Amino acid sequence: SIGYALYDKDLKYLRINKKLARINCRPAEQHLGRSIYEMIPEVADKIAPVIQTVFKTGESFHNIPFFGTIETLDLNNFAALLSYYPVRNPATNEIFAVATSVQDISDVVQTQTLLRQNQDRLAFAQEAGKIGAFEVDLFTKRILWTRQLEEIYGLHTGTFMGSFSHWSTLIHPDDKDKFMGGMEEIAKGHELNIEFRILRNNNQIRWILARGRVLNDHEGHPERFIGINIDLLS
């Protein structure tokens, strides 16, 4: 899965594996004895100085990120991590070649981009629909709130303390038993579906619809529960 090549001091290929040859869109044997300027002129100016520095200093370079579109190689949105190493003659310790490894991470970068886009869409949908999300760790009882949920409860971003005790102070006194009862039911594995009132700043009352369910670990034991609060009066 890793592209590999050896270059001499004239930047010519001494060896190349099939993976890197495929990345370069050329047969492996076609590279041998030819320079990077002949085989990959689109990026030669970027990698030549690194190879020359390795020859000069003996220093290795690890995981240099490369991003770009290389039209002549038919590489759209190509992403890789490049590493360069000196190869020495064991008898003289002289550097006679530089090895490079090329790890294609295009799929990983594309997946991360799609995830970020989906997260952005979800955040927009939650904000537009006045929906906030929460997650409760059933072992530590630690609670995570999204920014939208803090806004619904009238809190500044990052000020929710992550505990049921803090959450309960924001519930209308007449609905606290209903709220805590719903939380106890979901901890037992039941789905949460209740409505209750909250008290925002200046005793402003809002009605909330809460939905949620338990998620199990790989052994089937309850691990955490996730849910949403919907501001019914916004």
Protein backbone atom coordinates (compact mmCIF):
# COMPACT_ATOMS: atom_id res chain seq x y z
CA SER A 1 0.00 0.00 0.00
CA ILE A 2 3.05 2.28 0.16
CA GLY A 3 4.79 3.66 -2.92
CA TYR A 4 8.57 3.28 -2.87
CA ALA A 5 11.49 4.46 -5.00
CA LEU A 6 15.27 4.93 -4.95
CA TYR A 7 16.89 7.98 -6.60
CA ASP A 8 20.53 8.58 -7.44
CA LYS A 9 22.33 11.94 -7.24
CA ASP A 10 21.12 12.87 -10.71
CA LEU A 11 17.54 12.39 -9.49
CA LYS A 12 17.18 9.28 -11.65
CA TYR A 13 15.18 6.25 -10.61
CA LEU A 14 17.25 3.28 -9.47
CA ARG A 15 14.21 1.33 -8.28
CA ILE A 16 10.48 1.82 -8.01
CA ASN A 17 7.71 -0.47 -6.83
CA LYS A 18 4.42 -1.10 -8.59
CA LYS A 19 2.41 1.06 -6.19
CA LEU A 20 4.37 4.24 -6.90
CA ALA A 21 4.52 3.40 -10.59
CA ARG A 22 0.70 3.26 -10.61
CA ILE A 23 0.55 6.60 -8.79
CA ASN A 24 2.86 8.04 -11.45
CA CYS A 25 0.69 6.47 -14.17
CA ARG A 26 3.75 4.94 -15.84
CA PRO A 27 5.06 1.34 -16.03
CA ALA A 28 7.70 0.64 -13.40
CA GLU A 29 10.36 -0.35 -15.94
CA GLN A 30 9.86 2.92 -17.80
CA HIS A 31 11.15 4.86 -14.78
CA LEU A 32 14.52 3.16 -14.45
CA GLY A 33 17.43 5.33 -15.53
CA ARG A 34 15.17 8.34 -16.08
CA SER A 35 14.96 11.42 -13.90
CA ILE A 36 11.97 12.75 -12.00
CA TYR A 37 11.88 15.67 -14.45
CA GLU A 38 11.23 13.20 -17.27
CA MET A 39 8.70 11.08 -15.42
CA ILE A 40 6.81 13.45 -13.12
CA PRO A 41 7.62 16.98 -14.33
CA GLU A 42 4.46 18.37 -12.67
CA VAL A 43 5.88 17.85 -9.17
CA ALA A 44 9.62 17.51 -9.81
CA ASP A 45 10.37 21.06 -8.69
CA LYS A 46 8.73 20.32 -5.36
CA ILE A 47 10.51 17.10 -4.51
CA ALA A 48 13.92 17.67 -6.13
CA PRO A 49 15.10 20.13 -3.44
CA VAL A 50 14.17 17.66 -0.70
CA ILE A 51 16.09 14.80 -2.33
CA GLN A 52 19.10 17.05 -2.87
CA THR A 53 18.99 18.15 0.77
CA VAL A 54 19.01 14.53 1.94
CA PHE A 55 22.08 13.84 -0.22
CA LYS A 56 23.81 16.93 1.15
CA THR A 57 22.97 16.65 4.86
CA GLY A 58 22.07 13.00 5.41
CA GLU A 59 18.92 14.17 7.13
CA SER A 60 15.65 12.26 6.82
CA PHE A 61 12.27 13.89 6.26
CA HIS A 62 9.12 12.20 7.49
CA ASN A 63 5.45 12.50 6.50
CA ILE A 64 5.60 15.67 4.42
CA PRO A 65 2.00 16.35 3.34
CA PHE A 66 1.26 16.76 -0.35
CA PHE A 67 -2.08 17.95 -1.66
CA GLY A 68 -3.04 18.88 -5.18
CA THR A 69 -4.48 18.02 -8.54
CA ILE A 70 -2.04 16.69 -11.13
CA GLU A 71 -3.87 16.83 -14.44
CA THR A 72 -1.28 15.10 -16.62
CA LEU A 73 -1.15 12.19 -14.17
CA ASP A 74 -4.95 12.11 -13.91
CA LEU A 75 -4.74 12.60 -10.14
CA ASN A 76 -7.65 14.69 -8.92
CA ASN A 77 -7.48 15.92 -5.33
CA PHE A 78 -4.48 13.70 -4.70
CA ALA A 79 -3.20 13.62 -1.12
CA ALA A 80 -0.16 11.79 0.20
CA LEU A 81 2.45 11.69 2.94
CA LEU A 82 6.00 11.73 1.57
CA SER A 83 9.10 10.56 3.44
CA TYR A 84 12.76 10.64 2.34
CA TYR A 85 15.72 8.68 3.74
CA PRO A 86 19.43 8.50 2.93
CA VAL A 87 20.76 5.11 1.77
CA ARG A 88 24.42 4.60 2.62
CA ASN A 89 27.14 2.28 1.38
CA PRO A 90 27.88 0.12 4.45
CA ALA A 91 31.59 0.01 3.59
CA THR A 92 32.17 3.74 3.11
CA ASN A 93 29.11 5.25 4.80
CA GLU A 94 28.67 7.37 1.68
CA ILE A 95 25.13 8.24 0.65
CA PHE A 96 24.65 6.68 -2.77
CA ALA A 97 20.84 6.95 -3.02
CA VAL A 98 17.78 8.50 -1.46
CA ALA A 99 14.74 6.37 -0.75
CA THR A 100 11.24 7.78 -0.76
CA SER A 101 7.97 6.38 0.48
CA VAL A 102 4.63 7.71 -0.72
CA GLN A 103 1.53 6.91 1.32
CA ASP A 104 -1.63 7.69 -0.63
CA ILE A 105 -4.14 9.19 1.83
CA SER A 106 -6.58 10.57 -0.76
CA ASP A 107 -9.42 8.32 0.45
CA VAL A 108 -8.80 9.30 4.07
CA VAL A 109 -8.77 13.02 3.26
CA GLN A 110 -11.90 12.67 1.15
CA THR A 111 -13.67 10.83 3.97
CA GLN A 112 -12.65 13.49 6.49
CA THR A 113 -13.88 16.20 4.14
CA LEU A 114 -17.25 14.47 3.76
CA LEU A 115 -17.51 14.05 7.52
CA ARG A 116 -16.80 17.74 8.08
CA GLN A 117 -19.39 18.65 5.48
CA ASN A 118 -21.95 16.36 7.10
CA GLN A 119 -21.15 17.84 10.51
CA ASP A 120 -21.62 21.34 9.10
CA ARG A 121 -24.98 20.36 7.60
CA LEU A 122 -26.07 18.75 10.86
CA ALA A 123 -25.03 21.80 12.87
CA PHE A 124 -26.98 24.06 10.50
CA ALA A 125 -30.05 21.83 10.68
CA GLN A 126 -29.89 21.76 14.47
CA GLU A 127 -29.51 25.51 14.68
CA ALA A 128 -32.32 26.18 12.20
CA GLY A 129 -34.65 23.72 13.91
CA LYS A 130 -33.76 24.82 17.45
CA ILE A 131 -32.46 21.33 18.21
CA GLY A 132 -29.68 20.61 20.67
CA ALA A 133 -28.00 17.25 21.23
CA PHE A 134 -26.56 15.61 24.34
CA GLU A 135 -24.65 12.46 25.25
CA VAL A 136 -24.41 10.82 28.66
CA ASP A 137 -21.64 8.40 29.68
CA LEU A 138 -23.44 5.83 31.84
CA PHE A 139 -20.25 4.94 33.71
CA THR A 140 -18.88 8.40 34.55
CA LYS A 141 -22.26 10.19 34.37
CA ARG A 142 -20.47 12.89 32.42
CA ILE A 143 -22.77 14.77 30.05
CA LEU A 144 -21.77 16.45 26.80
CA TRP A 145 -23.90 19.22 25.31
CA THR A 146 -23.74 20.79 21.88
CA ARG A 147 -23.51 24.54 21.51
CA GLN A 148 -27.11 24.59 20.24
CA LEU A 149 -28.35 22.95 23.44
CA GLU A 150 -26.61 25.54 25.59
CA GLU A 151 -28.27 28.26 23.53
CA ILE A 152 -31.70 26.66 24.03
CA TYR A 153 -31.19 26.69 27.80
CA GLY A 154 -29.92 30.28 27.73
CA LEU A 155 -26.34 29.42 28.66
CA HIS A 156 -23.18 30.89 27.22
CA THR A 157 -21.13 28.48 25.12
CA GLY A 158 -18.96 26.21 27.26
CA THR A 159 -20.68 27.06 30.58
CA PHE A 160 -22.70 23.85 31.01
CA MET A 161 -20.97 21.94 33.80
CA GLY A 162 -21.62 18.47 32.38
CA SER A 163 -23.63 17.03 35.27
CA PHE A 164 -27.22 16.09 36.08
CA SER A 165 -27.11 18.36 39.12
CA HIS A 166 -26.42 21.39 36.93
CA TRP A 167 -28.97 20.27 34.34
CA SER A 168 -31.68 19.87 37.00
CA THR A 169 -31.22 23.49 38.15
CA LEU A 170 -32.41 24.58 34.71
CA ILE A 171 -35.65 22.54 34.86
CA HIS A 172 -38.91 24.11 36.00
CA PRO A 173 -39.51 23.04 39.64
CA ASP A 174 -42.88 21.49 38.78
CA ASP A 175 -41.29 19.30 36.06
CA LYS A 176 -38.12 18.10 37.82
CA ASP A 177 -39.66 14.78 38.88
CA LYS A 178 -40.82 14.13 35.32
CA PHE A 179 -37.37 15.03 33.98
CA MET A 180 -35.44 12.83 36.41
CA GLY A 181 -37.92 9.99 35.92
CA GLY A 182 -37.38 10.13 32.18
CA MET A 183 -33.61 10.04 32.64
CA GLU A 184 -33.88 7.03 34.95
CA GLU A 185 -36.05 5.20 32.41
CA ILE A 186 -33.61 5.74 29.57
CA ALA A 187 -30.75 4.53 31.78
CA LYS A 188 -32.71 1.28 32.13
CA GLY A 189 -32.78 0.88 28.37
CA HIS A 190 -36.09 2.55 27.58
CA GLU A 191 -36.42 5.26 24.98
CA LEU A 192 -36.85 8.83 26.14
CA ASN A 193 -39.86 10.79 24.90
CA ILE A 194 -41.07 13.47 27.30
CA GLU A 195 -41.96 17.14 27.38
CA PHE A 196 -40.98 19.47 30.21
CA ARG A 197 -40.40 23.13 30.95
CA ILE A 198 -37.10 24.87 31.51
CA LEU A 199 -36.30 28.18 33.18
CA ARG A 200 -34.06 30.46 31.19
CA ASN A 201 -32.63 33.81 32.25
CA ASN A 202 -35.09 36.14 33.98
CA ASN A 203 -37.34 33.12 34.71
CA GLN A 204 -38.33 32.84 31.05
CA ILE A 205 -40.17 29.54 30.53
CA ARG A 206 -39.66 27.31 27.48
CA TRP A 207 -41.25 23.97 26.63
CA ILE A 208 -38.81 21.24 25.60
CA LEU A 209 -39.39 17.94 23.81
CA ALA A 210 -36.70 15.41 24.76
CA ARG A 211 -35.99 12.28 22.73
CA GLY A 212 -33.21 9.76 23.28
CA ARG A 213 -32.08 6.15 23.48
CA VAL A 214 -29.34 3.95 24.95
CA LEU A 215 -26.34 2.74 22.95
CA ASN A 216 -24.66 -0.52 23.96
CA ASP A 217 -20.99 -1.50 23.88
CA HIS A 218 -19.62 -4.37 21.79
CA GLU A 219 -20.73 -6.86 24.44
CA GLY A 220 -24.29 -5.58 24.48
CA HIS A 221 -24.06 -3.71 27.78
CA PRO A 222 -25.51 -0.16 28.10
CA GLU A 223 -22.64 2.26 27.61
CA ARG A 224 -24.09 5.70 26.92
CA PHE A 225 -27.24 7.35 25.82
CA ILE A 226 -27.73 10.06 23.31
CA GLY A 227 -30.62 12.37 22.74
CA ILE A 228 -31.94 15.68 21.56
CA ASN A 229 -33.91 18.56 23.02
CA ILE A 230 -36.23 20.52 20.76
CA ASP A 231 -37.29 24.03 21.70
CA LEU A 232 -41.06 23.85 21.11
CA LEU A 233 -41.79 27.57 21.46
CA SER A 234 -39.05 29.13 19.31
